[in-house]
N, C-alpha and C. Protein backbone atom coordinates (compact mmCIF):
# COMPACT_ATOMS: atom_id res chain seq x y z
N MET A 1 89.02 103.54 86.40
CA MET A 1 89.78 103.00 86.44
C MET A 1 89.00 101.79 87.82
N ALA A 2 89.00 100.89 87.59
CA ALA A 2 88.79 100.03 88.80
C ALA A 2 89.76 99.29 89.98
N ASN A 3 88.15 99.70 91.27
CA ASN A 3 88.66 100.05 92.50
C ASN A 3 88.72 98.31 93.13
N TRP A 4 90.04 97.61 93.42
CA TRP A 4 89.78 96.34 93.68
C TRP A 4 89.54 96.67 95.46
N ASN A 5 90.08 97.67 96.16
CA ASN A 5 89.95 97.38 96.55
C ASN A 5 88.91 97.98 98.22
N ARG A 6 87.59 98.20 96.66
CA ARG A 6 86.59 97.95 97.62
C ARG A 6 85.86 96.93 98.37
N LYS A 7 85.28 97.06 99.24
CA LYS A 7 85.04 95.71 100.12
C LYS A 7 83.63 95.15 100.41
N LEU A 8 83.86 94.04 99.78
CA LEU A 8 82.22 93.14 99.95
C LEU A 8 81.40 93.21 100.90
N PRO A 9 80.24 93.60 100.50
CA PRO A 9 79.00 94.02 101.76
C PRO A 9 79.21 93.12 102.57
N LEU A 10 79.52 92.01 103.22
CA LEU A 10 80.07 91.23 104.35
C LEU A 10 80.80 90.36 103.57
N PRO A 11 81.74 90.07 104.23
CA PRO A 11 83.56 89.27 104.09
C PRO A 11 81.93 87.84 104.09
N VAL A 12 83.08 86.80 103.03
CA VAL A 12 82.62 85.93 102.09
C VAL A 12 84.01 84.73 103.31
N SER A 13 83.25 83.84 104.03
CA SER A 13 85.10 82.88 104.87
C SER A 13 84.42 81.56 103.73
N VAL A 14 85.84 81.01 103.35
CA VAL A 14 85.96 79.93 102.66
C VAL A 14 86.77 79.01 103.16
N GLN A 15 86.39 77.32 102.70
CA GLN A 15 86.73 76.40 103.74
C GLN A 15 88.07 75.33 102.15
N GLY A 16 88.95 75.23 103.20
CA GLY A 16 89.94 74.59 102.23
C GLY A 16 90.85 74.45 103.11
N ASP A 17 91.81 73.55 102.11
CA ASP A 17 93.24 74.03 103.01
C ASP A 17 93.30 74.28 104.05
N GLU A 18 93.09 75.89 103.66
CA GLU A 18 93.29 76.85 104.78
C GLU A 18 92.33 77.93 104.93
N GLY A 19 91.38 78.04 105.30
CA GLY A 19 89.94 78.82 106.07
C GLY A 19 90.42 80.00 105.72
N GLU A 20 90.03 80.35 105.24
CA GLU A 20 90.30 82.35 104.49
C GLU A 20 88.81 82.82 104.83
N THR A 21 89.01 84.48 104.90
CA THR A 21 88.21 84.76 105.00
C THR A 21 87.92 86.36 103.61
N LEU A 22 87.76 86.18 102.95
CA LEU A 22 87.42 87.27 101.89
C LEU A 22 87.14 88.75 101.85
N VAL A 23 87.20 89.80 101.79
CA VAL A 23 86.60 91.60 102.12
C VAL A 23 86.67 91.41 101.20
N THR A 24 87.99 92.41 99.99
CA THR A 24 87.73 93.06 98.85
C THR A 24 87.12 92.19 98.11
N LEU A 25 86.86 92.67 96.96
CA LEU A 25 86.73 92.48 95.01
C LEU A 25 88.36 92.04 95.05
N HIS A 26 89.63 92.29 95.43
CA HIS A 26 90.67 91.68 95.47
C HIS A 26 91.17 90.49 95.53
N GLU A 27 90.82 90.47 97.07
CA GLU A 27 90.70 89.01 97.81
C GLU A 27 90.00 87.95 97.37
N ALA A 28 88.72 87.86 96.04
CA ALA A 28 88.17 87.33 95.58
C ALA A 28 88.44 87.26 94.30
N ALA A 29 88.67 87.91 93.12
CA ALA A 29 89.31 87.39 92.67
C ALA A 29 90.69 86.95 92.55
N LEU A 30 90.90 86.89 93.75
CA LEU A 30 92.67 86.18 93.57
C LEU A 30 92.42 84.66 93.70
N PHE A 31 91.52 84.53 94.81
CA PHE A 31 90.63 82.79 95.52
C PHE A 31 90.27 83.09 94.64
N MET A 32 89.65 83.65 93.59
CA MET A 32 89.01 82.70 92.60
C MET A 32 90.04 82.06 91.60
N ILE A 33 91.19 82.62 90.80
CA ILE A 33 91.75 82.16 90.58
C ILE A 33 93.56 80.77 90.98
N ARG A 34 93.71 81.48 92.17
CA ARG A 34 94.37 80.28 92.93
C ARG A 34 93.88 79.00 92.89
N THR A 35 92.44 79.02 93.08
CA THR A 35 91.34 77.66 93.68
C THR A 35 91.49 77.00 92.11
N PHE A 36 90.47 77.86 91.07
CA PHE A 36 90.31 77.27 90.01
C PHE A 36 90.93 77.11 88.92
N GLN A 37 91.91 77.36 88.93
CA GLN A 37 93.46 77.91 88.30
C GLN A 37 93.32 76.29 87.51
N GLY A 38 93.28 76.34 85.70
CA GLY A 38 93.55 75.39 84.90
C GLY A 38 91.90 74.69 85.15
N ARG A 39 91.21 75.27 85.38
CA ARG A 39 89.43 74.64 85.30
C ARG A 39 89.08 75.18 84.17
N GLN A 40 88.06 74.90 83.72
CA GLN A 40 86.90 76.11 83.16
C GLN A 40 85.71 75.76 82.89
N SER A 41 85.32 76.63 83.23
CA SER A 41 83.60 76.25 83.65
C SER A 41 82.39 77.91 83.64
N ASN A 42 81.37 78.00 82.98
CA ASN A 42 80.72 79.03 82.86
C ASN A 42 80.55 79.18 84.74
N GLY A 43 80.83 78.76 85.39
CA GLY A 43 80.21 79.15 86.38
C GLY A 43 82.00 80.83 87.00
N ILE A 44 83.00 79.40 86.55
CA ILE A 44 84.21 79.97 86.94
C ILE A 44 84.27 81.46 86.77
N ARG A 45 84.04 81.23 84.94
CA ARG A 45 84.15 82.96 84.56
C ARG A 45 83.06 83.74 84.12
N ARG A 46 81.76 82.67 84.76
CA ARG A 46 81.27 84.26 85.11
C ARG A 46 81.04 84.81 86.46
N THR A 47 81.20 83.64 87.43
CA THR A 47 81.68 84.65 88.65
C THR A 47 82.63 85.59 88.62
N ILE A 48 84.24 85.42 88.25
CA ILE A 48 85.68 86.49 87.45
C ILE A 48 84.73 87.65 86.39
N GLU A 49 84.12 87.34 85.66
CA GLU A 49 83.49 88.89 85.07
C GLU A 49 82.37 89.27 85.91
N ARG A 50 82.50 88.71 86.91
CA ARG A 50 80.83 89.91 87.97
C ARG A 50 81.62 90.84 88.87
N LEU A 51 82.66 89.90 88.87
CA LEU A 51 84.13 90.78 89.77
C LEU A 51 85.07 91.90 89.70
N ILE A 52 85.71 91.38 88.32
CA ILE A 52 86.22 92.55 87.40
C ILE A 52 84.73 93.95 87.17
N TRP A 53 83.68 93.39 86.53
CA TRP A 53 82.65 94.24 86.74
C TRP A 53 82.05 95.21 87.69
N ALA A 54 82.18 94.83 88.50
CA ALA A 54 82.11 94.83 90.35
C ALA A 54 83.14 96.42 90.34
N ALA A 55 84.24 96.01 90.07
CA ALA A 55 85.95 96.23 90.59
C ALA A 55 85.78 97.61 89.52
N GLU A 56 84.89 97.67 88.28
CA GLU A 56 85.15 98.87 87.55
C GLU A 56 84.18 99.64 87.90
N GLN A 57 82.96 99.23 87.85
CA GLN A 57 81.27 99.94 88.96
C GLN A 57 82.50 101.00 89.65
N ASP A 58 83.07 100.29 90.92
CA ASP A 58 83.36 100.90 91.74
C ASP A 58 81.60 101.90 92.87
N THR A 59 80.91 100.97 92.50
CA THR A 59 79.83 101.24 93.27
C THR A 59 79.11 99.64 94.56
N ALA A 60 78.37 100.76 95.84
CA ALA A 60 78.30 99.34 96.88
C ALA A 60 77.04 98.43 95.80
N ASP A 61 76.22 99.01 95.18
CA ASP A 61 75.33 97.74 94.12
C ASP A 61 76.50 96.81 93.76
N ALA A 62 76.90 97.55 93.04
CA ALA A 62 77.94 96.33 92.13
C ALA A 62 78.63 95.13 93.03
N SER A 63 79.05 95.62 94.12
CA SER A 63 79.98 94.86 95.00
C SER A 63 79.16 93.86 95.97
N GLU A 64 78.18 94.31 96.12
CA GLU A 64 76.87 93.29 96.57
C GLU A 64 76.31 92.84 95.21
N GLU A 65 75.53 93.37 94.19
CA GLU A 65 76.00 91.32 93.43
C GLU A 65 76.93 90.96 92.75
N ALA A 66 78.14 91.42 92.62
CA ALA A 66 79.64 89.99 92.54
C ALA A 66 79.25 89.37 94.16
N ALA A 67 79.55 89.84 95.08
CA ALA A 67 79.64 89.01 96.03
C ALA A 67 77.36 87.78 96.40
N ARG A 68 77.16 88.15 95.52
CA ARG A 68 76.11 87.97 95.58
C ARG A 68 76.69 86.23 94.69
N GLN A 69 76.88 86.88 93.87
CA GLN A 69 77.17 85.87 92.73
C GLN A 69 78.65 85.29 92.90
N LEU A 70 79.36 85.27 93.76
CA LEU A 70 80.53 84.84 94.52
C LEU A 70 79.68 83.29 95.45
N SER A 71 79.20 83.76 96.45
CA SER A 71 78.76 83.17 97.50
C SER A 71 78.39 82.39 96.79
N ASN A 72 76.41 82.34 95.78
CA ASN A 72 76.04 81.54 95.48
C ASN A 72 77.10 80.10 94.51
N PHE A 73 78.23 80.44 93.80
CA PHE A 73 78.88 79.78 93.10
C PHE A 73 79.73 79.14 94.35
N LEU A 74 79.92 79.95 95.40
CA LEU A 74 81.20 78.64 96.26
C LEU A 74 80.51 78.01 96.90
N LYS A 75 79.34 78.15 96.93
CA LYS A 75 78.14 77.14 97.94
C LYS A 75 77.97 76.35 96.58
N SER A 76 78.13 76.10 95.43
CA SER A 76 77.54 75.44 94.32
C SER A 76 78.47 74.07 94.18
N SER A 77 79.91 75.11 94.62
CA SER A 77 80.56 74.08 94.14
C SER A 77 81.79 73.17 96.19
N GLY A 78 80.64 73.63 96.45
CA GLY A 78 80.99 73.15 98.26
C GLY A 78 81.71 73.50 98.79
N LEU A 79 82.46 75.00 98.86
CA LEU A 79 83.16 75.19 99.20
C LEU A 79 82.99 76.75 100.58
């Protein structure tokens, strides 16, 4: 069973209409879905897949890898 409450190794701050700080895999996944709803790209898909994978793995290493993917994607998209 996936653990969506697993914390990211470090909180991820994002800019936008309202500044947010993402602390858990759940918050990160919801942010990605809300922010990029209706858009399609390999980067969005890979990032969401990595968050799902990390929740399923429920390990610190998986969470760290997902956070790295999320951070890289957000930097490349200007958020």
